[in-house]
Structures are given as structure tokens and as C-alpha cells.
C-alpha atoms as a PDB file:
ATOM      1  CA  UNK A   1      77.601 144.204 125.596  1.00  0.00           C
ATOM      2  CA  UNK A   2      75.215 146.166 127.828  1.00  0.00           C
ATOM      3  CA  UNK A   3      71.530 145.964 128.541  1.00  0.00           C
ATOM      4  CA  UNK A   4      69.443 148.476 126.598  1.00  0.00           C
ATOM      5  CA  UNK A   5      65.915 149.771 125.933  1.00  0.00           C
ATOM      6  CA  UNK A   6      64.243 150.872 122.741  1.00  0.00           C
ATOM      7  CA  UNK A   7      60.768 152.491 122.421  1.00  0.00           C
ATOM      8  CA  UNK A   8      58.615 154.014 119.736  1.00  0.00           C
ATOM      9  CA  UNK A   9      54.889 154.735 119.413  1.00  0.00           C
ATOM     10  CA  UNK A  10      54.062 151.074 118.686  1.00  0.00           C
ATOM     11  CA  UNK A  11      56.426 148.916 120.701  1.00  0.00           C
ATOM     12  CA  UNK A  12      58.753 148.960 123.665  1.00  0.00           C
ATOM     13  CA  UNK A  13      61.718 146.576 123.911  1.00  0.00           C
ATOM     14  CA  UNK A  14      63.975 145.834 126.821  1.00  0.00           C
ATOM     15  CA  UNK A  15      67.199 143.869 126.297  1.00  0.00           C
ATOM     16  CA  UNK A  16      68.753 142.461 129.423  1.00  0.00           C
ATOM     17  CA  UNK A  17      72.140 140.845 128.955  1.00  0.00           C
ATOM     18  CA  UNK A  18      72.878 138.156 131.537  1.00  0.00           C
ATOM     19  CA  UNK A  19      75.187 135.521 130.017  1.00  0.00           C
ATOM     20  CA  UNK A  20      75.013 133.099 132.947  1.00  0.00           C
ATOM     21  CA  UNK A  21      72.006 131.615 134.653  1.00  0.00           C
ATOM     22  CA  UNK A  22      73.013 133.068 138.027  1.00  0.00           C
ATOM     23  CA  UNK A  23      71.497 135.451 140.610  1.00  0.00           C
ATOM     24  CA  UNK A  24      71.519 138.265 138.083  1.00  0.00           C
ATOM     25  CA  UNK A  25      69.476 136.232 135.626  1.00  0.00           C
ATOM     26  CA  UNK A  26      67.039 135.196 138.365  1.00  0.00           C
ATOM     27  CA  UNK A  27      66.638 138.861 139.409  1.00  0.00           C
ATOM     28  CA  UNK A  28      65.796 139.858 135.832  1.00  0.00           C
ATOM     29  CA  UNK A  29      63.191 137.091 135.615  1.00  0.00           C
ATOM     30  CA  UNK A  30      61.672 138.132 138.899  1.00  0.00           C
ATOM     31  CA  UNK A  31      61.372 141.699 137.713  1.00  0.00           C
ATOM     32  CA  UNK A  32      59.108 140.532 134.894  1.00  0.00           C
ATOM     33  CA  UNK A  33      57.141 138.291 137.290  1.00  0.00           C
ATOM     34  CA  UNK A  34      56.551 141.188 139.644  1.00  0.00           C
ATOM     35  CA  UNK A  35      55.390 143.416 136.787  1.00  0.00           C
ATOM     36  CA  UNK A  36      52.921 140.772 135.594  1.00  0.00           C
ATOM     37  CA  UNK A  37      51.458 140.341 139.061  1.00  0.00           C
ATOM     38  CA  UNK A  38      50.503 144.048 139.382  1.00  0.00           C
ATOM     39  CA  UNK A  39      46.838 144.821 138.572  1.00  0.00           C
ATOM     40  CA  UNK A  40      47.857 147.603 136.206  1.00  0.00           C
ATOM     41  CA  UNK A  41      51.460 146.666 135.719  1.00  0.00           C
ATOM     42  CA  UNK A  42      53.509 146.747 132.558  1.00  0.00           C
ATOM     43  CA  UNK A  43      53.525 143.008 131.969  1.00  0.00           C
ATOM     44  CA  UNK A  44      55.354 142.460 128.625  1.00  0.00           C
ATOM     45  CA  UNK A  45      53.426 140.826 125.808  1.00  0.00           C
ATOM     46  CA  UNK A  46      56.405 138.478 125.202  1.00  0.00           C
ATOM     47  CA  UNK A  47      59.539 137.467 127.070  1.00  0.00           C
ATOM     48  CA  UNK A  48      62.320 135.889 124.971  1.00  0.00           C
ATOM     49  CA  UNK A  49      64.987 133.946 126.894  1.00  0.00           C
ATOM     50  CA  UNK A  50      68.178 132.617 125.366  1.00  0.00           C
ATOM     51  CA  UNK A  51      71.467 131.346 126.742  1.00  0.00           C
ATOM     52  CA  UNK A  52      74.053 128.577 126.785  1.00  0.00           C
ATOM     53  CA  UNK A  53      76.958 129.824 124.687  1.00  0.00           C
ATOM     54  CA  UNK A  54      78.858 130.970 127.757  1.00  0.00           C
ATOM     55  CA  UNK A  55      78.808 127.413 129.058  1.00  0.00           C
ATOM     56  CA  UNK A  56      80.674 126.143 125.956  1.00  0.00           C
ATOM     57  CA  UNK A  57      84.186 127.118 126.965  1.00  0.00           C
ATOM     58  CA  UNK A  58      84.331 129.984 124.487  1.00  0.00           C
ATOM     59  CA  UNK A  59      84.996 132.749 126.965  1.00  0.00           C
ATOM     60  CA  UNK A  60      87.987 133.441 129.246  1.00  0.00           C
ATOM     61  CA  UNK A  61      87.670 131.592 132.554  1.00  0.00           C
ATOM     62  CA  UNK A  62      85.135 129.047 131.332  1.00  0.00           C
ATOM     63  CA  UNK A  63      87.692 127.485 128.970  1.00  0.00           C
ATOM     64  CA  UNK A  64      89.548 126.277 132.080  1.00  0.00           C
ATOM     65  CA  UNK A  65      86.518 124.294 133.252  1.00  0.00           C
ATOM     66  CA  UNK A  66      85.863 120.745 132.010  1.00  0.00           C
ATOM     67  CA  UNK A  67      82.997 120.472 129.596  1.00  0.00           C
ATOM     68  CA  UNK A  68      80.915 118.142 131.796  1.00  0.00           C
ATOM     69  CA  UNK A  69      81.291 120.629 134.663  1.00  0.00           C
ATOM     70  CA  UNK A  70      80.083 123.423 132.460  1.00  0.00           C
ATOM     71  CA  UNK A  71      77.007 121.436 131.494  1.00  0.00           C
ATOM     72  CA  UNK A  72      76.365 120.696 135.174  1.00  0.00           C
ATOM     73  CA  UNK A  73      76.555 124.453 135.915  1.00  0.00           C
ATOM     74  CA  UNK A  74      74.153 125.106 133.072  1.00  0.00           C
ATOM     75  CA  UNK A  75      71.586 122.519 134.308  1.00  0.00           C
ATOM     76  CA  UNK A  76      71.793 123.793 137.859  1.00  0.00           C
ATOM     77  CA  UNK A  77      71.183 127.315 136.700  1.00  0.00           C
ATOM     78  CA  UNK A  78      68.282 126.350 134.511  1.00  0.00           C
ATOM     79  CA  UNK A  79      66.636 124.380 137.384  1.00  0.00           C
ATOM     80  CA  UNK A  80      67.027 127.361 139.708  1.00  0.00           C
ATOM     81  CA  UNK A  81      65.235 129.531 137.141  1.00  0.00           C
ATOM     82  CA  UNK A  82      62.333 127.050 136.695  1.00  0.00           C
ATOM     83  CA  UNK A  83      60.026 128.443 139.422  1.00  0.00           C
ATOM     84  CA  UNK A  84      60.303 132.021 138.185  1.00  0.00           C
ATOM     85  CA  UNK A  85      59.890 130.874 134.543  1.00  0.00           C
ATOM     86  CA  UNK A  86      56.769 128.953 135.488  1.00  0.00           C
ATOM     87  CA  UNK A  87      55.169 131.931 137.167  1.00  0.00           C
ATOM     88  CA  UNK A  88      56.096 134.147 134.202  1.00  0.00           C
ATOM     89  CA  UNK A  89      54.943 131.709 131.557  1.00  0.00           C
ATOM     90  CA  UNK A  90      51.505 131.397 133.161  1.00  0.00           C
ATOM     91  CA  UNK A  91      50.996 135.156 132.760  1.00  0.00           C
ATOM     92  CA  UNK A  92      52.534 136.028 129.432  1.00  0.00           C
ATOM     93  CA  UNK A  93      54.010 134.429 126.305  1.00  0.00           C
ATOM     94  CA  UNK A  94      57.459 133.203 127.290  1.00  0.00           C
ATOM     95  CA  UNK A  95      59.811 131.824 124.598  1.00  0.00           C
ATOM     96  CA  UNK A  96      63.104 130.045 125.024  1.00  0.00           C
ATOM     97  CA  UNK A  97      65.200 130.385 121.914  1.00  0.00           C
ATOM     98  CA  UNK A  98      67.491 127.463 121.472  1.00  0.00           C
ATOM     99  CA  UNK A  99      71.045 128.182 120.404  1.00  0.00           C
ATOM    100  CA  UNK A 100      71.262 127.748 116.635  1.00  0.00           C
ATOM    101  CA  UNK A 101      73.708 125.498 114.787  1.00  0.00           C
ATOM    102  CA  UNK A 102      76.796 127.119 113.297  1.00  0.00           C
ATOM    103  CA  UNK A 103      78.539 126.112 110.170  1.00  0.00           C
ATOM    104  CA  UNK A 104      82.263 126.399 110.696  1.00  0.00           C
ATOM    105  CA  UNK A 105      83.035 125.637 107.071  1.00  0.00           C
ATOM    106  CA  UNK A 106      82.596 129.284 106.173  1.00  0.00           C
ATOM    107  CA  UNK A 107      83.282 131.259 109.299  1.00  0.00           C
ATOM    108  CA  UNK A 108      86.016 130.235 111.721  1.00  0.00           C
ATOM    109  CA  UNK A 109      85.538 130.502 115.441  1.00  0.00           C
ATOM    110  CA  UNK A 110      87.930 133.300 116.521  1.00  0.00           C
ATOM    111  CA  UNK A 111      87.751 132.215 120.166  1.00  0.00           C
ATOM    112  CA  UNK A 112      88.375 128.475 119.677  1.00  0.00           C
ATOM    113  CA  UNK A 113      90.130 127.915 116.425  1.00  0.00           C
ATOM    114  CA  UNK A 114      90.448 124.172 117.045  1.00  0.00           C
ATOM    115  CA  UNK A 115      86.820 123.644 118.003  1.00  0.00           C
ATOM    116  CA  UNK A 116      85.424 121.189 115.469  1.00  0.00           C
ATOM    117  CA  UNK A 117      81.897 121.221 114.107  1.00  0.00           C
ATOM    118  CA  UNK A 118      81.284 117.761 115.595  1.00  0.00           C
ATOM    119  CA  UNK A 119      82.438 118.868 119.081  1.00  0.00           C
ATOM    120  CA  UNK A 120      80.267 121.947 119.000  1.00  0.00           C
ATOM    121  CA  UNK A 121      77.160 120.119 117.680  1.00  0.00           C
ATOM    122  CA  UNK A 122      77.535 117.465 120.403  1.00  0.00           C
ATOM    123  CA  UNK A 123      77.605 120.203 123.026  1.00  0.00           C
ATOM    124  CA  UNK A 124      74.648 121.961 121.446  1.00  0.00           C
ATOM    125  CA  UNK A 125      72.531 118.784 121.472  1.00  0.00           C
ATOM    126  CA  UNK A 126      73.197 118.264 125.192  1.00  0.00           C
ATOM    127  CA  UNK A 127      72.307 121.872 125.956  1.00  0.00           C
ATOM    128  CA  UNK A 128      69.054 121.611 124.000  1.00  0.00           C
ATOM    129  CA  UNK A 129      68.179 118.428 125.812  1.00  0.00           C
ATOM    130  CA  UNK A 130      68.557 120.269 129.111  1.00  0.00           C
ATOM    131  CA  UNK A 131      66.218 123.016 127.950  1.00  0.00           C
ATOM    132  CA  UNK A 132      63.590 120.523 126.720  1.00  0.00           C
ATOM    133  CA  UNK A 133      63.862 118.823 130.134  1.00  0.00           C
ATOM    134  CA  UNK A 134      62.907 122.175 131.613  1.00  0.00           C
ATOM    135  CA  UNK A 135      59.512 122.053 129.911  1.00  0.00           C
ATOM    136  CA  UNK A 136      58.617 119.107 132.124  1.00  0.00           C
ATOM    137  CA  UNK A 137      58.495 121.587 134.938  1.00  0.00           C
ATOM    138  CA  UNK A 138      57.291 124.543 132.922  1.00  0.00           C
ATOM    139  CA  UNK A 139      54.835 123.176 130.309  1.00  0.00           C
ATOM    140  CA  UNK A 140      53.677 126.703 129.371  1.00  0.00           C
ATOM    141  CA  UNK A 141      57.225 127.567 128.189  1.00  0.00           C
ATOM    142  CA  UNK A 142      57.361 127.731 124.366  1.00  0.00           C
ATOM    143  CA  UNK A 143      60.559 126.414 122.797  1.00  0.00           C
ATOM    144  CA  UNK A 144      61.663 128.271 119.688  1.00  0.00           C
ATOM    145  CA  UNK A 145      63.403 125.483 117.795  1.00  0.00           C
ATOM    146  CA  UNK A 146      62.915 126.339 114.125  1.00  0.00           C
ATOM    147  CA  UNK A 147      66.135 128.254 113.671  1.00  0.00           C
ATOM    148  CA  UNK A 148      68.224 125.831 111.701  1.00  0.00           C
ATOM    149  CA  UNK A 149      66.637 126.510 108.214  1.00  0.00           C
ATOM    150  CA  UNK A 150      67.188 130.312 108.674  1.00  0.00           C
ATOM    151  CA  UNK A 151      70.776 129.903 109.870  1.00  0.00           C
ATOM    152  CA  UNK A 152      71.595 127.401 107.107  1.00  0.00           C
ATOM    153  CA  UNK A 153      70.128 129.664 104.430  1.00  0.00           C
ATOM    154  CA  UNK A 154      72.122 132.606 105.845  1.00  0.00           C
ATOM    155  CA  UNK A 155      75.390 130.693 105.887  1.00  0.00           C
ATOM    156  CA  UNK A 156      75.072 129.310 102.361  1.00  0.00           C
ATOM    157  CA  UNK A 157      73.550 132.331 100.639  1.00  0.00           C
ATOM    158  CA  UNK A 158      75.384 135.143 102.495  1.00  0.00           C
ATOM    159  CA  UNK A 159      78.530 133.864 104.222  1.00  0.00           C
ATOM    160  CA  UNK A 160      79.618 131.310 101.607  1.00  0.00           C
ATOM    161  CA  UNK A 161      79.187 133.611  98.617  1.00  0.00           C
ATOM    162  CA  UNK A 162      81.169 136.625  99.675  1.00  0.00           C
ATOM    163  CA  UNK A 163      83.456 137.906 102.408  1.00  0.00           C
ATOM    164  CA  UNK A 164      80.715 139.789 104.236  1.00  0.00           C
ATOM    165  CA  UNK A 165      82.353 140.530 107.568  1.00  0.00           C
ATOM    166  CA  UNK A 166      79.396 142.730 108.619  1.00  0.00           C
ATOM    167  CA  UNK A 167      76.932 139.862 108.354  1.00  0.00           C
ATOM    168  CA  UNK A 168      79.298 136.976 109.063  1.00  0.00           C
ATOM    169  CA  UNK A 169      81.882 138.149 111.636  1.00  0.00           C
ATOM    170  CA  UNK A 170      82.088 134.769 113.388  1.00  0.00           C
ATOM    171  CA  UNK A 171      79.893 131.689 113.971  1.00  0.00           C
ATOM    172  CA  UNK A 172      78.100 133.308 116.944  1.00  0.00           C
ATOM    173  CA  UNK A 173      77.449 136.935 115.947  1.00  0.00           C
ATOM    174  CA  UNK A 174      75.702 136.716 112.683  1.00  0.00           C
ATOM    175  CA  UNK A 175      75.079 140.389 112.023  1.00  0.00           C
ATOM    176  CA  UNK A 176      72.015 142.413 111.100  1.00  0.00           C
ATOM    177  CA  UNK A 177      70.855 140.305 108.188  1.00  0.00           C
ATOM    178  CA  UNK A 178      70.046 137.192 110.232  1.00  0.00           C
ATOM    179  CA  UNK A 179      68.972 139.209 113.323  1.00  0.00           C
ATOM    180  CA  UNK A 180      66.423 141.035 111.171  1.00  0.00           C
ATOM    181  CA  UNK A 181      64.977 137.723 110.131  1.00  0.00           C
ATOM    182  CA  UNK A 182      64.580 136.682 113.769  1.00  0.00           C
ATOM    183  CA  UNK A 183      63.027 140.058 114.590  1.00  0.00           C
ATOM    184  CA  UNK A 184      60.510 139.725 111.749  1.00  0.00           C
ATOM    185  CA  UNK A 185      59.451 136.307 113.107  1.00  0.00           C
ATOM    186  CA  UNK A 186      58.901 137.706 116.599  1.00  0.00           C
ATOM    187  CA  UNK A 187      56.953 140.702 115.307  1.00  0.00           C
ATOM    188  CA  UNK A 188      54.729 138.449 113.271  1.00  0.00           C
ATOM    189  CA  UNK A 189      53.923 136.457 116.387  1.00  0.00           C
ATOM    190  CA  UNK A 190      53.102 139.625 118.316  1.00  0.00           C
ATOM    191  CA  UNK A 191      50.892 140.975 115.548  1.00  0.00           C
ATOM    192  CA  UNK A 192      48.937 137.756 115.276  1.00  0.00           C
ATOM    193  CA  UNK A 193      48.358 137.738 119.001  1.00  0.00           C
ATOM    194  CA  UNK A 194      47.313 141.381 119.039  1.00  0.00           C
ATOM    195  CA  UNK A 195      44.723 140.862 116.303  1.00  0.00           C
ATOM    196  CA  UNK A 196      43.471 137.439 117.445  1.00  0.00           C
ATOM    197  CA  UNK A 197      39.927 137.341 118.910  1.00  0.00           C
ATOM    198  CA  UNK A 198      39.840 137.504 122.645  1.00  0.00           C
ATOM    199  CA  UNK A 199      38.527 134.427 124.398  1.00  0.00           C
END
């Protein structure tokens, strides 16, 4: 997957794909911070951050690293990003989208066939705790945590009812149906902020 841009007469979107919280992730954050510090810069109206799956042993290389070591790497990366996130969140709406729960009953994990739902949920809870810990340093950071109802509805009403490989290819990549729902939520937030009275 590559980074990409999309623009029309109403909105401009930049998608930066950095799966690890490393120097590349920090560089991307700093780019936004720099833009927001310019008097007439192009500070985005919203920055959405998400990550954690690549620290779950689901990708080549990481599957050789013990789970507790992966979580340590995740925590260290998040803490390194805290100063830049704090500067960014003070200047524009900054959301951290938590990884959503996956229901393996309907869609098997093609990368880790033996990964049980219990194992994954335990890992997910620890990752989410680390992100909530981050808000102690960055209180302006908004945690997007209301994903479970949407994901559950999608799995039971779409994936469980028919073999829809386009919308249910695996537990991680949910296809356009669920992605459209997330996009609608973000657009609603942007529209409310755009029409809200200025203080």
C-alpha cells in the first residue's frame, strides 16, 4: 500500500501509510506540525492517526518477535511521538482511531490461521490501554473508540449472511462498505465543525 492524495472542489485528503511508529511516522507528524505553525500554512482541519496491527505478529518479520517485545516496541514508538502529537493536537483536531475488534467466526485470518479470538482481543486491549495512556501526556488528543457497534453490525449483517469477498476479505481489511461508514462519520464531524459558530 502506498501513500496517496485526493482532492476535489470541497475537500483535500492526504493518506500517509506508515505502519510502524518509527522515524518515518515522526517525520509525517512533524510535516503537519510545521504546516500548522505557518501564518498562512495549509494546516489540516483534521488529522486521523491509526496503528498497532503491525505490532501483532501478523506480518513477516514481526511474527518472529515475542508478543511482549512487540508491545514494548509499540509503547516506545508511541511515547516518541507524544511531543509532536501534543503540538499538533493544540493546533488542529487530532483523532486517534483505535483498532477495531474483529470477529473471526465469519472471516478467518489469512496471515495467522491459528490466532484465536481470545488471543487477539487480549492483544487489542493492551494496545488500547497504551493509547489511552498517551492521553495523559496529550490531553487534547481525541480517542475514536466507538467502532465496535459498526464493526459488529458489518460482520453480522454483511459477512455472516453471504460470501462477500469484496467487503469481507479478511478480519483486517473490511472493504468499501465499512470504510464508507467510517468516512461518513468523519465527514459529519468536519461539517459540524465548519458550520459551528466561531468563538
